[in-house]
């Protein structure tokens, strides 16, 4: 039973991470010029999404092991 719960949590975390990755892709599509990449707001948002993704993967790994 504990294994099932752990597996379920991992799948939820992965789903959330994927949703965050999709958002990051949307942000990168919305960037029209190279100049906009360096606007701190957009860059910060994308970096935050990447950081979130890494945190979710790490959390999933810790739960799995």
PDB file of N, CA and C in Angstrom:
ATOM      1  N   UNK A   1       0.836  -1.210   0.000  1.00  0.00           N
ATOM      2  CA  UNK A   1       0.000   0.000   0.000  1.00  0.00           C
ATOM      3  C   UNK A   1       0.873   1.263   0.000  1.00  0.00           C
ATOM      4  N   UNK A   2       1.919   1.246   0.830  1.00  0.00           N
ATOM      5  CA  UNK A   2       2.827   2.400   0.901  1.00  0.00           C
ATOM      6  C   UNK A   2       3.467   2.658  -0.472  1.00  0.00           C
ATOM      7  N   UNK A   3       3.836   1.559  -1.144  1.00  0.00           N
ATOM      8  CA  UNK A   3       4.422   1.674  -2.486  1.00  0.00           C
ATOM      9  C   UNK A   3       3.459   2.341  -3.453  1.00  0.00           C
ATOM     10  N   UNK A   4       2.189   1.951  -3.377  1.00  0.00           N
ATOM     11  CA  UNK A   4       1.160   2.525  -4.254  1.00  0.00           C
ATOM     12  C   UNK A   4       1.051   4.028  -4.026  1.00  0.00           C
ATOM     13  N   UNK A   5       1.028   4.438  -2.749  1.00  0.00           N
ATOM     14  CA  UNK A   5       0.907   5.864  -2.407  1.00  0.00           C
ATOM     15  C   UNK A   5       2.118   6.631  -2.931  1.00  0.00           C
ATOM     16  N   UNK A   6       3.309   6.074  -2.734  1.00  0.00           N
ATOM     17  CA  UNK A   6       4.534   6.714  -3.234  1.00  0.00           C
ATOM     18  C   UNK A   6       4.486   6.879  -4.746  1.00  0.00           C
ATOM     19  N   UNK A   7       4.064   5.826  -5.438  1.00  0.00           N
ATOM     20  CA  UNK A   7       3.961   5.872  -6.901  1.00  0.00           C
ATOM     21  C   UNK A   7       2.978   6.952  -7.330  1.00  0.00           C
ATOM     22  N   UNK A   8       1.838   7.017  -6.649  1.00  0.00           N
ATOM     23  CA  UNK A   8       0.811   8.017  -6.956  1.00  0.00           C
ATOM     24  C   UNK A   8       1.366   9.429  -6.784  1.00  0.00           C
ATOM     25  N   UNK A   9       2.065   9.664  -5.659  1.00  0.00           N
ATOM     26  CA  UNK A   9       2.654  10.984  -5.389  1.00  0.00           C
ATOM     27  C   UNK A   9       3.653  11.350  -6.480  1.00  0.00           C
ATOM     28  N   UNK A  10       4.473  10.393  -6.877  1.00  0.00           N
ATOM     29  CA  UNK A  10       5.460  10.632  -7.938  1.00  0.00           C
ATOM     30  C   UNK A  10       4.754  11.038  -9.229  1.00  0.00           C
ATOM     31  N   UNK A  11       3.686  10.334  -9.588  1.00  0.00           N
ATOM     32  CA  UNK A  11       2.954  10.676 -10.814  1.00  0.00           C
ATOM     33  C   UNK A  11       2.343  12.071 -10.737  1.00  0.00           C
ATOM     34  N   UNK A  12       1.813  12.428  -9.570  1.00  0.00           N
ATOM     35  CA  UNK A  12       1.247  13.770  -9.380  1.00  0.00           C
ATOM     36  C   UNK A  12       2.336  14.825  -9.549  1.00  0.00           C
ATOM     37  N   UNK A  13       3.494  14.595  -8.916  1.00  0.00           N
ATOM     38  CA  UNK A  13       4.615  15.541  -9.022  1.00  0.00           C
ATOM     39  C   UNK A  13       5.071  15.685 -10.471  1.00  0.00           C
ATOM     40  N   UNK A  14       5.153  14.560 -11.183  1.00  0.00           N
ATOM     41  CA  UNK A  14       5.576  14.602 -12.586  1.00  0.00           C
ATOM     42  C   UNK A  14       4.556  15.372 -13.418  1.00  0.00           C
ATOM     43  N   UNK A  15       3.263  15.144 -13.160  1.00  0.00           N
ATOM     44  CA  UNK A  15       2.206  15.865 -13.886  1.00  0.00           C
ATOM     45  C   UNK A  15       2.326  17.373 -13.649  1.00  0.00           C
ATOM     46  N   UNK A  16       2.564  17.764 -12.394  1.00  0.00           N
ATOM     47  CA  UNK A  16       2.741  19.184 -12.066  1.00  0.00           C
ATOM     48  C   UNK A  16       3.972  19.752 -12.766  1.00  0.00           C
ATOM     49  N   UNK A  17       5.058  18.980 -12.757  1.00  0.00           N
ATOM     50  CA  UNK A  17       6.292  19.415 -13.411  1.00  0.00           C
ATOM     51  C   UNK A  17       6.060  19.608 -14.909  1.00  0.00           C
ATOM     52  N   UNK A  18       5.317  18.676 -15.524  1.00  0.00           N
ATOM     53  CA  UNK A  18       5.023  18.777 -16.956  1.00  0.00           C
ATOM     54  C   UNK A  18       4.184  20.023 -17.243  1.00  0.00           C
ATOM     55  N   UNK A  19       3.222  20.305 -16.381  1.00  0.00           N
ATOM     56  CA  UNK A  19       2.382  21.498 -16.545  1.00  0.00           C
ATOM     57  C   UNK A  19       3.243  22.758 -16.478  1.00  0.00           C
ATOM     58  N   UNK A  20       4.197  22.771 -15.546  1.00  0.00           N
ATOM     59  CA  UNK A  20       5.104  23.914 -15.430  1.00  0.00           C
ATOM     60  C   UNK A  20       5.973  24.050 -16.671  1.00  0.00           C
ATOM     61  N   UNK A  21       6.402  22.917 -17.217  1.00  0.00           N
ATOM     62  CA  UNK A  21       7.227  22.928 -18.425  1.00  0.00           C
ATOM     63  C   UNK A  21       6.423  23.483 -19.603  1.00  0.00           C
ATOM     64  N   UNK A  22       5.148  23.089 -19.703  1.00  0.00           N
ATOM     65  CA  UNK A  22       4.275  23.613 -20.761  1.00  0.00           C
ATOM     66  C   UNK A  22       4.166  25.127 -20.662  1.00  0.00           C
ATOM     67  N   UNK A  23       4.004  25.640 -19.427  1.00  0.00           N
ATOM     68  CA  UNK A  23       3.930  27.089 -19.218  1.00  0.00           C
ATOM     69  C   UNK A  23       5.212  27.757 -19.688  1.00  0.00           C
ATOM     70  N   UNK A  24       6.347  27.154 -19.359  1.00  0.00           N
ATOM     71  CA  UNK A  24       7.641  27.708 -19.760  1.00  0.00           C
ATOM     72  C   UNK A  24       7.740  27.754 -21.286  1.00  0.00           C
ATOM     73  N   UNK A  25       7.223  26.720 -21.959  1.00  0.00           N
ATOM     74  CA  UNK A  25       7.214  26.688 -23.431  1.00  0.00           C
ATOM     75  C   UNK A  25       6.357  27.823 -23.985  1.00  0.00           C
ATOM     76  N   UNK A  26       5.192  28.046 -23.352  1.00  0.00           N
ATOM     77  CA  UNK A  26       4.311  29.142 -23.770  1.00  0.00           C
ATOM     78  C   UNK A  26       5.026  30.476 -23.646  1.00  0.00           C
ATOM     79  N   UNK A  27       5.746  30.673 -22.530  1.00  0.00           N
ATOM     80  CA  UNK A  27       6.476  31.923 -22.333  1.00  0.00           C
ATOM     81  C   UNK A  27       7.508  32.107 -23.444  1.00  0.00           C
ATOM     82  N   UNK A  28       8.212  31.028 -23.800  1.00  0.00           N
ATOM     83  CA  UNK A  28       9.251  31.150 -24.819  1.00  0.00           C
ATOM     84  C   UNK A  28       8.641  31.416 -26.201  1.00  0.00           C
ATOM     85  N   UNK A  29       7.428  30.911 -26.451  1.00  0.00           N
ATOM     86  CA  UNK A  29       6.732  31.205 -27.714  1.00  0.00           C
ATOM     87  C   UNK A  29       6.344  32.677 -27.789  1.00  0.00           C
ATOM     88  N   UNK A  30       5.983  33.243 -26.616  1.00  0.00           N
ATOM     89  CA  UNK A  30       5.539  34.634 -26.572  1.00  0.00           C
ATOM     90  C   UNK A  30       6.674  35.632 -26.749  1.00  0.00           C
ATOM     91  N   UNK A  31       7.905  35.157 -26.610  1.00  0.00           N
ATOM     92  CA  UNK A  31       9.048  36.058 -26.775  1.00  0.00           C
ATOM     93  C   UNK A  31       9.259  36.280 -28.272  1.00  0.00           C
ATOM     94  N   UNK A  32       9.102  37.521 -28.704  1.00  0.00           N
ATOM     95  CA  UNK A  32       9.134  37.803 -30.145  1.00  0.00           C
ATOM     96  C   UNK A  32      10.528  38.183 -30.635  1.00  0.00           C
ATOM     97  N   UNK A  33      11.309  38.782 -29.757  1.00  0.00           N
ATOM     98  CA  UNK A  33      12.653  39.180 -30.178  1.00  0.00           C
ATOM     99  C   UNK A  33      13.671  38.804 -29.111  1.00  0.00           C
ATOM    100  N   UNK A  34      14.922  38.771 -29.514  1.00  0.00           N
ATOM    101  CA  UNK A  34      15.997  38.414 -28.592  1.00  0.00           C
ATOM    102  C   UNK A  34      16.053  39.417 -27.437  1.00  0.00           C
ATOM    103  N   UNK A  35      15.747  40.686 -27.731  1.00  0.00           N
ATOM    104  CA  UNK A  35      15.752  41.733 -26.696  1.00  0.00           C
ATOM    105  C   UNK A  35      14.859  41.337 -25.529  1.00  0.00           C
ATOM    106  N   UNK A  36      13.670  40.818 -25.831  1.00  0.00           N
ATOM    107  CA  UNK A  36      12.695  40.489 -24.793  1.00  0.00           C
ATOM    108  C   UNK A  36      13.184  39.393 -23.851  1.00  0.00           C
ATOM    109  N   UNK A  37      14.085  38.547 -24.353  1.00  0.00           N
ATOM    110  CA  UNK A  37      14.615  37.470 -23.513  1.00  0.00           C
ATOM    111  C   UNK A  37      15.322  38.064 -22.301  1.00  0.00           C
ATOM    112  N   UNK A  38      15.932  39.225 -22.503  1.00  0.00           N
ATOM    113  CA  UNK A  38      16.745  39.816 -21.442  1.00  0.00           C
ATOM    114  C   UNK A  38      15.967  40.760 -20.531  1.00  0.00           C
ATOM    115  N   UNK A  39      14.651  40.882 -20.765  1.00  0.00           N
ATOM    116  CA  UNK A  39      13.817  41.614 -19.815  1.00  0.00           C
ATOM    117  C   UNK A  39      13.725  40.725 -18.569  1.00  0.00           C
ATOM    118  N   UNK A  40      14.195  41.229 -17.418  1.00  0.00           N
ATOM    119  CA  UNK A  40      14.284  40.385 -16.217  1.00  0.00           C
ATOM    120  C   UNK A  40      12.999  39.623 -15.892  1.00  0.00           C
ATOM    121  N   UNK A  41      11.836  40.247 -16.124  1.00  0.00           N
ATOM    122  CA  UNK A  41      10.564  39.608 -15.789  1.00  0.00           C
ATOM    123  C   UNK A  41      10.405  38.281 -16.535  1.00  0.00           C
ATOM    124  N   UNK A  42      10.577  38.331 -17.864  1.00  0.00           N
ATOM    125  CA  UNK A  42      10.435  37.110 -18.673  1.00  0.00           C
ATOM    126  C   UNK A  42      11.499  36.086 -18.321  1.00  0.00           C
ATOM    127  N   UNK A  43      12.735  36.556 -18.205  1.00  0.00           N
ATOM    128  CA  UNK A  43      13.847  35.656 -17.903  1.00  0.00           C
ATOM    129  C   UNK A  43      13.628  35.014 -16.534  1.00  0.00           C
ATOM    130  N   UNK A  44      13.227  35.839 -15.570  1.00  0.00           N
ATOM    131  CA  UNK A  44      12.965  35.347 -14.219  1.00  0.00           C
ATOM    132  C   UNK A  44      11.868  34.301 -14.207  1.00  0.00           C
ATOM    133  N   UNK A  45      10.824  34.554 -14.992  1.00  0.00           N
ATOM    134  CA  UNK A  45       9.687  33.638 -15.060  1.00  0.00           C
ATOM    135  C   UNK A  45      10.137  32.281 -15.604  1.00  0.00           C
ATOM    136  N   UNK A  46      10.905  32.303 -16.687  1.00  0.00           N
ATOM    137  CA  UNK A  46      11.373  31.061 -17.315  1.00  0.00           C
ATOM    138  C   UNK A  46      12.316  30.317 -16.372  1.00  0.00           C
ATOM    139  N   UNK A  47      13.236  31.060 -15.730  1.00  0.00           N
ATOM    140  CA  UNK A  47      14.159  30.435 -14.772  1.00  0.00           C
ATOM    141  C   UNK A  47      13.388  29.824 -13.604  1.00  0.00           C
ATOM    142  N   UNK A  48      12.345  30.512 -13.156  1.00  0.00           N
ATOM    143  CA  UNK A  48      11.516  29.998 -12.061  1.00  0.00           C
ATOM    144  C   UNK A  48      10.846  28.691 -12.470  1.00  0.00           C
ATOM    145  N   UNK A  49      10.362  28.633 -13.709  1.00  0.00           N
ATOM    146  CA  UNK A  49       9.722  27.408 -14.204  1.00  0.00           C
ATOM    147  C   UNK A  49      10.729  26.260 -14.248  1.00  0.00           C
ATOM    148  N   UNK A  50      11.944  26.550 -14.734  1.00  0.00           N
ATOM    149  CA  UNK A  50      12.986  25.519 -14.822  1.00  0.00           C
ATOM    150  C   UNK A  50      13.358  25.037 -13.417  1.00  0.00           C
ATOM    151  N   UNK A  51      13.508  25.990 -12.488  1.00  0.00           N
ATOM    152  CA  UNK A  51      13.840  25.647 -11.100  1.00  0.00           C
ATOM    153  C   UNK A  51      12.745  24.770 -10.494  1.00  0.00           C
ATOM    154  N   UNK A  52      11.481  25.141 -10.757  1.00  0.00           N
ATOM    155  CA  UNK A  52      10.340  24.385 -10.260  1.00  0.00           C
ATOM    156  C   UNK A  52      10.403  22.952 -10.785  1.00  0.00           C
ATOM    157  N   UNK A  53      10.687  22.814 -12.075  1.00  0.00           N
ATOM    158  CA  UNK A  53      10.778  21.501 -12.708  1.00  0.00           C
ATOM    159  C   UNK A  53      11.847  20.650 -12.015  1.00  0.00           C
ATOM    160  N   UNK A  54      13.030  21.247 -11.791  1.00  0.00           N
ATOM    161  CA  UNK A  54      14.134  20.530 -11.149  1.00  0.00           C
ATOM    162  C   UNK A  54      13.743  20.112  -9.727  1.00  0.00           C
ATOM    163  N   UNK A  55      13.086  21.012  -8.995  1.00  0.00           N
ATOM    164  CA  UNK A  55      12.649  20.714  -7.626  1.00  0.00           C
ATOM    165  C   UNK A  55      11.661  19.545  -7.620  1.00  0.00           C
ATOM    166  N   UNK A  56      10.713  19.546  -8.564  1.00  0.00           N
ATOM    167  CA  UNK A  56       9.740  18.451  -8.635  1.00  0.00           C
ATOM    168  C   UNK A  56      10.427  17.121  -8.928  1.00  0.00           C
ATOM    169  N   UNK A  57      11.363  17.137  -9.874  1.00  0.00           N
ATOM    170  CA  UNK A  57      12.087  15.911 -10.219  1.00  0.00           C
ATOM    171  C   UNK A  57      12.858  15.401  -9.002  1.00  0.00           C
ATOM    172  N   UNK A  58      13.534  16.328  -8.297  1.00  0.00           N
ATOM    173  CA  UNK A  58      14.305  15.961  -7.097  1.00  0.00           C
ATOM    174  C   UNK A  58      13.389  15.378  -6.016  1.00  0.00           C
ATOM    175  N   UNK A  59      12.242  16.033  -5.801  1.00  0.00           N
ATOM    176  CA  UNK A  59      11.279  15.559  -4.798  1.00  0.00           C
ATOM    177  C   UNK A  59      10.780  14.161  -5.167  1.00  0.00           C
ATOM    178  N   UNK A  60      10.471  13.965  -6.433  1.00  0.00           N
ATOM    179  CA  UNK A  60      10.005  12.655  -6.910  1.00  0.00           C
ATOM    180  C   UNK A  60      11.083  11.602  -6.671  1.00  0.00           C
ATOM    181  N   UNK A  61      12.329  11.960  -6.946  1.00  0.00           N
ATOM    182  CA  UNK A  61      13.455  11.046  -6.747  1.00  0.00           C
ATOM    183  C   UNK A  61      13.606  10.681  -5.267  1.00  0.00           C
ATOM    184  N   UNK A  62      13.483  11.697  -4.386  1.00  0.00           N
ATOM    185  CA  UNK A  62      13.620  11.455  -2.945  1.00  0.00           C
ATOM    186  C   UNK A  62      12.494  10.546  -2.436  1.00  0.00           C
ATOM    187  N   UNK A  63      11.275  10.760  -2.919  1.00  0.00           N
ATOM    188  CA  UNK A  63      10.139   9.931  -2.502  1.00  0.00           C
ATOM    189  C   UNK A  63      10.327   8.497  -3.003  1.00  0.00           C
ATOM    190  N   UNK A  64      10.782   8.376  -4.249  1.00  0.00           N
ATOM    191  CA  UNK A  64      10.953   7.053  -4.863  1.00  0.00           C
ATOM    192  C   UNK A  64      11.980   6.227  -4.093  1.00  0.00           C
ATOM    193  N   UNK A  65      13.075   6.878  -3.663  1.00  0.00           N
ATOM    194  CA  UNK A  65      14.146   6.143  -2.952  1.00  0.00           C
ATOM    195  C   UNK A  65      14.025   6.339  -1.455  1.00  0.00           C
TER     196      UNK A  65
END
